[in-house]
Amino acid sequence: MMKFLSVLTMLFFPLVALAGEPYEAEPRVVGGIPSANNEVPWQLFLVTEYIGTRPQQCGAVYIGDGYALSAAHCFFNNQGNRNISLELFGGATSSEGFKQGTGFGATVVINPNYNAQLISDDIALLKIQGDLPANIQPIKLASQADQVAMDQLFANTYSETQSTQFNLLVSGWGKTSGNSAFTSSILRQTVLGGVPDNICRTQWGGGATIVNSIHLCATSSEPELVRESCSGDSGGPLVWQDPDHVADADRGLRLAGIVSFGIKTCDQTKPPGVYAQVSNYLDFIQENTGGSLPVVNPTFTENPFDASKYSGVGDEPGSGGGIIGTNGGGSSFSLWGLLLLGVAAVGRIKLRK
């Protein structure tokens, strides 16, 4: 069996990079640390396959009762064609153990309002087939009241020039820098600060249409250090820690966003990365999970928001580098047999106005 992101990926990834070069923005972790076992147990690894192009890599997040969320764009290749099959993996921090035929299948519901040109309503629900390993744990969905609290927090703490306390966490097996040829075989995570919607909209200018109710924006909380999601992280989780519930068994951790898009180079602190705002899609989730949201009461033994882990972690803006990788770019050829040519990280989504 071939391992998804080992030597073969490294040998053939340059084809992917060339294919993605014309794109202006891409769905996408840069400037972070390797995840410890059970630190982000909701994180899943997603591979989708297509006719005529190589399989693609994304992230996903387990929300309980056999359901997961990912980005809608993860189920289309660069030609706009839907995937013909998929496989989900989890319960480990190294992707080298994720072998073809050993993962889980799933049925997918794409949000009906998804717009590929604007990269809006970029969210999909997956119903997982089979029983997941016991060490995969769900994370609670952020409520609309949680989002109101986040918006207030972002407005009170964001600064373009001064370092502030981080308040969000992103994770994935994506690229470790925008100019890297490879995604990461080790799950990585980094911390971010939320960006108010109006500032996010201004910083993106004409490059993207930022809509308050459907987008959540985040970037490094330390302007001199790049921390970011990147190619290969698409569909993965953006997590908020509710300060009023840190002492709870679930440490107050809430799924706030799904990795959607950002600048191609992943080496700047602005414009910020953009995420699908989960609280806006609770009705969509409920309608497709039998009429009720998943009920979960997880117990998390690790605290990924421990500030001591991230001191000085990051890279200089404009260097094209970082310590963590994010949501990848798309590859070519076809189906699982083409894992011999490597799995491509999903990304390189061009914003067309």
Protein backbone atom coordinates (compact mmCIF):
# COMPACT_ATOMS: atom_id res chain seq x y z
CA MET A 1 0.00 0.00 0.00
CA MET A 2 1.23 3.48 -0.81
CA LYS A 3 1.42 6.17 1.86
CA PHE A 4 -0.37 9.34 0.86
CA LEU A 5 2.20 12.00 1.65
CA SER A 6 5.57 10.32 1.68
CA VAL A 7 8.29 10.03 -0.94
CA LEU A 8 6.02 9.66 -3.97
CA THR A 9 4.19 12.89 -3.16
CA MET A 10 7.51 14.67 -2.90
CA LEU A 11 8.62 13.35 -6.26
CA PHE A 12 5.54 14.41 -8.19
CA PHE A 13 4.31 17.49 -6.33
CA PRO A 14 6.07 19.93 -8.71
CA LEU A 15 3.43 19.03 -11.32
CA VAL A 16 0.80 20.19 -8.89
CA ALA A 17 2.59 23.42 -8.13
CA LEU A 18 2.87 24.25 -11.81
CA ALA A 19 -0.78 23.49 -12.38
CA GLY A 20 -1.79 25.84 -9.58
CA GLU A 21 0.47 28.75 -10.48
CA PRO A 22 -2.09 30.92 -12.36
CA TYR A 23 -4.50 31.05 -9.43
CA GLU A 24 -4.67 34.17 -7.30
CA ALA A 25 -6.00 32.80 -4.02
CA GLU A 26 -6.27 29.42 -2.45
CA PRO A 27 -8.03 27.58 0.34
CA ARG A 28 -5.25 26.63 2.96
CA VAL A 29 -1.10 25.87 8.41
CA VAL A 30 2.03 28.14 8.41
CA GLY A 31 3.96 29.23 11.52
CA GLY A 32 3.00 26.67 14.14
CA ILE A 33 3.85 23.44 15.93
CA PRO A 34 3.27 19.68 15.53
CA SER A 35 0.07 18.54 17.21
CA ALA A 36 0.41 16.21 20.18
CA ASN A 37 -1.60 12.99 20.34
CA ASN A 38 -5.23 13.72 21.27
CA GLU A 39 -4.63 17.49 21.15
CA VAL A 40 -7.01 18.10 18.24
CA PRO A 41 -8.96 14.79 18.20
CA TRP A 42 -11.72 16.21 16.00
CA GLN A 43 -9.33 16.65 13.03
CA LEU A 44 -9.88 14.39 10.01
CA PHE A 45 -7.88 13.88 6.80
CA LEU A 46 -9.89 13.77 3.56
CA VAL A 47 -8.88 12.42 0.15
CA THR A 48 -11.20 12.85 -2.84
CA GLU A 49 -10.73 11.23 -6.24
CA TYR A 50 -11.82 12.25 -9.74
CA ILE A 51 -11.98 11.04 -13.29
CA GLY A 52 -9.03 12.39 -15.23
CA THR A 53 -7.19 14.08 -12.35
CA ARG A 54 -5.21 12.88 -9.38
CA PRO A 55 -6.76 12.58 -5.90
CA GLN A 56 -6.82 15.71 -3.78
CA GLN A 57 -6.16 16.35 -0.09
CA CYS A 58 -8.26 18.35 2.35
CA GLY A 59 -9.12 18.48 6.02
CA ALA A 60 -12.43 17.80 7.73
CA VAL A 61 -13.74 17.98 11.29
CA TYR A 62 -15.82 15.51 13.28
CA ILE A 63 -18.93 17.06 14.88
CA GLY A 64 -20.50 13.91 16.36
CA ASP A 65 -23.29 11.40 15.70
CA GLY A 66 -21.37 10.15 12.66
CA TYR A 67 -21.20 13.55 10.92
CA ALA A 68 -18.31 15.73 9.79
CA LEU A 69 -17.91 19.11 8.10
CA SER A 70 -15.52 20.17 5.35
CA ALA A 71 -15.31 22.85 2.66
CA ALA A 72 -17.59 22.54 -0.36
CA HIS A 73 -14.70 23.29 -2.74
CA CYS A 74 -12.93 20.14 -1.52
CA PHE A 75 -15.34 18.06 -3.59
CA PHE A 76 -14.51 19.69 -6.92
CA ASN A 77 -11.26 19.57 -8.89
CA ASN A 78 -9.69 22.52 -10.68
CA GLN A 79 -11.88 21.82 -13.70
CA GLY A 80 -15.03 22.12 -11.57
CA ASN A 81 -15.86 18.41 -11.69
CA ARG A 82 -17.33 16.63 -8.68
CA ASN A 83 -15.43 13.87 -6.94
CA ILE A 84 -16.43 10.28 -7.70
CA SER A 85 -15.37 8.86 -4.33
CA LEU A 86 -13.65 9.81 -1.10
CA GLU A 87 -11.94 8.40 1.96
CA LEU A 88 -11.65 9.84 5.49
CA PHE A 89 -8.93 9.15 8.04
CA GLY A 90 -8.25 10.23 11.61
CA GLY A 91 -7.13 9.21 15.06
CA ALA A 92 -3.43 9.82 14.32
CA THR A 93 -1.13 12.80 13.86
CA SER A 94 0.94 11.21 11.08
CA SER A 95 -0.67 10.79 7.66
CA GLU A 96 1.87 8.10 6.73
CA GLY A 97 -0.41 5.50 8.29
CA PHE A 98 -3.39 6.57 6.19
CA LYS A 99 -3.38 3.87 3.53
CA GLN A 100 -5.74 3.37 0.63
CA GLY A 101 -8.72 1.24 1.55
CA THR A 102 -8.28 1.60 5.32
CA GLY A 103 -10.29 4.79 5.81
CA PHE A 104 -13.98 5.57 5.97
CA GLY A 105 -16.44 6.41 3.24
CA ALA A 106 -19.08 9.10 3.53
CA THR A 107 -22.02 10.60 1.73
CA VAL A 108 -21.73 14.34 1.07
CA VAL A 109 -24.24 17.18 1.06
CA ILE A 110 -22.87 20.36 -0.53
CA ASN A 111 -24.44 23.55 0.78
CA PRO A 112 -26.99 24.46 -1.93
CA ASN A 113 -25.86 28.10 -1.91
CA TYR A 114 -22.19 27.32 -2.52
CA ASN A 115 -20.74 29.69 -5.13
CA ALA A 116 -17.41 28.53 -6.55
CA GLN A 117 -16.63 31.88 -8.17
CA LEU A 118 -17.08 33.91 -5.00
CA ILE A 119 -16.02 31.07 -2.69
CA SER A 120 -19.11 31.74 -0.60
CA ASP A 121 -21.18 29.30 1.49
CA ASP A 122 -18.13 27.07 1.24
CA ILE A 123 -19.27 24.24 3.50
CA ALA A 124 -20.33 20.62 3.14
CA LEU A 125 -21.75 18.00 5.52
CA LEU A 126 -20.51 14.40 5.48
CA LYS A 127 -22.34 11.37 6.88
CA ILE A 128 -19.57 8.93 7.79
CA GLN A 129 -20.01 5.26 6.98
CA GLY A 130 -18.76 2.95 9.74
CA ASP A 131 -17.59 3.36 13.32
CA LEU A 132 -14.74 5.77 13.95
CA PRO A 133 -11.82 4.94 16.26
CA ALA A 134 -12.49 5.76 19.91
CA ASN A 135 -9.75 8.42 19.99
CA ILE A 136 -11.58 10.54 17.41
CA GLN A 137 -13.74 12.92 19.42
CA PRO A 138 -16.31 15.45 18.23
CA ILE A 139 -16.16 19.15 18.89
CA LYS A 140 -19.19 21.27 19.71
CA LEU A 141 -20.49 23.67 17.07
CA ALA A 142 -20.30 27.38 17.84
CA SER A 143 -23.75 28.82 18.44
CA GLN A 144 -24.99 32.15 17.16
CA ALA A 145 -24.53 33.54 20.69
CA ASP A 146 -20.94 32.26 20.60
CA GLN A 147 -20.40 34.11 17.33
CA VAL A 148 -21.74 37.34 18.82
CA ALA A 149 -19.23 36.95 21.66
CA MET A 150 -16.44 36.27 19.15
CA ASP A 151 -17.32 39.31 17.06
CA GLN A 152 -17.14 41.49 20.16
CA LEU A 153 -13.84 39.93 21.19
CA PHE A 154 -12.35 40.47 17.73
CA ALA A 155 -13.47 44.10 17.70
CA ASN A 156 -11.91 44.70 21.10
CA THR A 157 -8.59 42.95 20.55
CA TYR A 158 -7.55 43.18 16.87
CA SER A 159 -4.62 45.41 15.98
CA GLU A 160 -2.79 45.77 12.66
CA THR A 161 0.41 46.92 14.33
CA GLN A 162 0.49 45.62 17.93
CA SER A 163 0.72 42.06 19.22
CA THR A 164 -2.46 40.90 20.95
CA GLN A 165 -3.68 37.72 22.63
CA PHE A 166 -4.61 34.98 20.17
CA ASN A 167 -8.15 33.60 20.33
CA LEU A 168 -8.44 31.01 17.54
CA LEU A 169 -6.71 27.76 16.55
CA VAL A 170 -6.30 26.18 13.10
CA SER A 171 -4.83 22.77 12.27
CA GLY A 172 -4.10 20.55 9.28
CA TRP A 173 -1.66 18.51 7.20
CA GLY A 174 -1.25 21.25 4.60
CA LYS A 175 1.80 23.01 3.22
CA THR A 176 4.35 24.43 5.63
CA SER A 177 4.89 27.52 3.46
CA GLY A 178 3.37 29.00 0.35
CA ASN A 179 6.43 28.22 -1.76
CA SER A 180 6.88 24.72 -0.38
CA ALA A 181 6.62 21.83 -2.82
CA PHE A 182 5.12 19.52 -0.22
CA THR A 183 2.32 19.22 2.29
CA SER A 184 3.09 18.00 5.79
CA SER A 185 2.93 14.35 6.82
CA ILE A 186 2.55 15.49 10.45
CA LEU A 187 -0.58 17.19 11.75
CA ARG A 188 0.25 20.75 12.77
CA GLN A 189 -1.55 23.61 14.49
CA THR A 190 -1.16 27.30 15.08
CA VAL A 191 -2.97 30.11 16.87
CA LEU A 192 -4.58 33.15 15.27
CA GLY A 193 -6.49 36.30 16.13
CA GLY A 194 -9.94 37.06 14.77
CA VAL A 195 -10.25 40.03 12.41
CA PRO A 196 -13.40 42.21 12.43
CA ASP A 197 -15.45 41.77 9.27
CA ASN A 198 -15.21 45.41 8.18
CA ILE A 199 -11.41 45.39 8.45
CA CYS A 200 -11.20 42.06 6.64
CA ARG A 201 -13.33 43.45 3.84
CA THR A 202 -11.13 46.54 3.54
CA GLN A 203 -7.88 44.54 3.52
CA TRP A 204 -9.13 42.20 0.79
CA GLY A 205 -10.42 45.14 -1.28
CA GLY A 206 -11.49 43.87 -4.69
CA GLY A 207 -9.72 40.56 -4.18
CA ALA A 208 -12.63 38.87 -2.45
CA THR A 209 -16.22 39.52 -1.43
CA ILE A 210 -16.37 39.26 2.37
CA VAL A 211 -19.89 38.81 3.76
CA ASN A 212 -20.37 39.29 7.50
CA SER A 213 -22.79 36.46 8.10
CA ILE A 214 -21.00 33.74 6.13
CA HIS A 215 -17.29 34.56 6.50
CA LEU A 216 -15.00 34.61 9.53
CA CYS A 217 -11.55 36.16 9.09
CA ALA A 218 -8.39 35.39 11.06
CA THR A 219 -4.67 36.12 10.91
CA SER A 220 -1.61 36.12 13.15
CA SER A 221 -2.17 38.00 16.42
CA GLU A 222 1.49 39.06 16.20
CA PRO A 223 2.00 41.20 13.05
CA GLU A 224 5.74 40.46 12.96
CA LEU A 225 5.11 36.70 12.79
CA VAL A 226 3.26 34.89 10.03
CA ARG A 227 0.85 32.24 11.26
CA GLU A 228 -1.63 31.02 8.73
CA SER A 229 -3.50 28.14 7.18
CA CYS A 230 -2.23 27.16 3.71
CA SER A 231 -2.70 24.72 0.78
CA GLY A 232 -3.91 21.33 1.96
CA ASP A 233 -5.73 22.68 5.06
CA SER A 234 -8.99 23.44 3.25
CA GLY A 235 -12.03 22.02 4.99
CA GLY A 236 -10.24 21.79 8.33
CA PRO A 237 -11.30 23.33 11.66
CA LEU A 238 -10.96 26.84 13.03
CA VAL A 239 -11.58 26.58 16.79
CA TRP A 240 -12.48 29.18 19.42
CA GLN A 241 -12.08 28.73 23.18
CA ASP A 242 -14.98 30.24 25.14
CA PRO A 243 -13.26 32.01 28.07
CA ASP A 244 -16.31 31.36 30.27
CA HIS A 245 -16.02 27.59 29.86
CA VAL A 246 -12.29 26.86 29.97
CA ALA A 247 -12.76 24.83 33.15
CA ASP A 248 -15.37 22.55 31.54
CA ALA A 249 -14.56 19.01 30.44
CA ASP A 250 -14.49 20.19 26.82
CA ARG A 251 -12.30 23.20 27.79
CA GLY A 252 -14.82 25.53 26.12
CA LEU A 253 -13.62 24.55 22.65
CA ARG A 254 -16.06 25.38 19.84
CA LEU A 255 -15.92 24.89 16.08
CA ALA A 256 -16.07 28.45 14.76
CA GLY A 257 -15.02 28.07 11.12
CA ILE A 258 -14.03 25.85 8.22
CA VAL A 259 -10.82 26.68 6.30
CA SER A 260 -11.87 28.25 3.00
CA PHE A 261 -9.40 30.57 1.24
CA GLY A 262 -6.52 33.02 1.53
CA ILE A 263 -3.63 34.48 -0.43
CA LYS A 264 -1.61 32.00 -2.46
CA THR A 265 1.77 32.68 -0.86
CA CYS A 266 0.58 32.14 2.75
CA ASP A 267 3.37 34.50 3.86
CA GLN A 268 1.57 37.69 4.92
CA THR A 269 -0.46 38.75 7.95
CA LYS A 270 -2.94 40.60 5.74
CA PRO A 271 -5.26 40.20 4.07
CA PRO A 272 -6.36 37.57 6.57
CA GLY A 273 -7.37 34.00 5.92
CA VAL A 274 -11.08 33.47 5.35
CA TYR A 275 -13.22 30.72 6.88
CA ALA A 276 -16.82 29.60 6.51
CA GLN A 277 -18.59 30.84 9.66
CA VAL A 278 -20.11 27.71 11.19
CA SER A 279 -22.79 29.42 13.27
CA ASN A 280 -24.43 30.62 10.04
CA TYR A 281 -24.94 27.03 8.88
CA LEU A 282 -26.65 25.46 11.89
CA ASP A 283 -29.96 25.25 10.01
CA PHE A 284 -28.23 23.61 7.03
CA ILE A 285 -26.61 21.08 9.34
CA GLN A 286 -29.80 20.39 11.25
CA GLU A 287 -31.83 19.89 8.09
CA ASN A 288 -29.41 17.21 6.94
CA THR A 289 -28.84 15.39 10.24
CA GLY A 290 -32.36 14.17 10.84
CA GLY A 291 -33.78 17.41 12.20
CA SER A 292 -31.49 17.99 15.15
CA LEU A 293 -27.91 19.07 15.68
CA PRO A 294 -25.43 16.47 16.95
CA VAL A 295 -25.43 16.26 20.75
CA VAL A 296 -21.87 15.89 22.04
CA ASN A 297 -20.24 16.07 25.47
CA PRO A 298 -16.55 15.44 24.83
CA THR A 299 -13.78 15.40 27.39
CA PHE A 300 -10.50 16.81 26.13
CA THR A 301 -7.33 15.95 28.03
CA GLU A 302 -5.11 18.44 26.18
CA ASN A 303 -5.43 22.21 25.91
CA PRO A 304 -4.28 23.35 22.44
CA PHE A 305 -4.63 26.98 23.54
CA ASP A 306 -1.75 26.75 26.03
CA ALA A 307 0.12 29.98 25.27
CA SER A 308 3.51 28.59 26.31
CA LYS A 309 3.52 26.33 23.24
CA TYR A 310 3.52 29.21 20.77
CA SER A 311 6.02 31.70 22.17
CA GLY A 312 8.06 33.07 19.26
CA VAL A 313 6.57 30.59 16.80
CA GLY A 314 6.10 31.97 13.29
CA ASP A 315 8.01 33.36 10.33
CA GLU A 316 8.86 36.76 8.92
CA PRO A 317 6.25 38.27 6.59
CA GLY A 318 7.12 37.91 2.92
CA SER A 319 9.53 35.04 3.41
CA GLY A 320 7.21 32.48 1.87
CA GLY A 321 8.00 30.25 4.81
CA GLY A 322 6.60 29.02 8.06
CA ILE A 323 6.70 26.14 10.44
CA ILE A 324 3.25 24.72 9.75
CA GLY A 325 1.51 23.80 6.53
CA THR A 326 -2.16 24.19 5.48
CA ASN A 327 -4.79 23.22 2.90
CA GLY A 328 -3.10 22.03 -0.33
CA GLY A 329 -3.44 22.38 -4.06
CA GLY A 330 -5.14 20.14 -6.58
CA SER A 331 -3.41 17.46 -8.62
CA SER A 332 -4.06 15.68 -11.89
CA PHE A 333 -4.66 12.23 -13.42
CA SER A 334 -7.17 9.84 -11.82
CA LEU A 335 -8.37 7.69 -8.96
CA TRP A 336 -6.67 5.75 -6.22
CA GLY A 337 -4.27 4.03 -8.55
CA LEU A 338 -2.76 7.43 -9.17
CA LEU A 339 -1.70 7.65 -5.57
CA LEU A 340 1.42 6.26 -7.17
CA LEU A 341 1.83 9.80 -8.45
CA GLY A 342 0.98 11.45 -5.15
CA VAL A 343 -2.07 13.09 -3.60
CA ALA A 344 -2.43 16.79 -4.29
CA ALA A 345 -3.40 19.33 -1.69
CA VAL A 346 -6.60 21.17 -2.52
CA GLY A 347 -6.19 24.84 -3.22
CA ARG A 348 -5.40 27.36 -5.95
CA ILE A 349 -8.98 28.60 -6.11
CA LYS A 350 -9.12 31.63 -8.34
CA LEU A 351 -11.44 34.45 -7.36
CA ARG A 352 -13.35 35.52 -10.45
CA LYS A 353 -15.48 38.65 -10.25
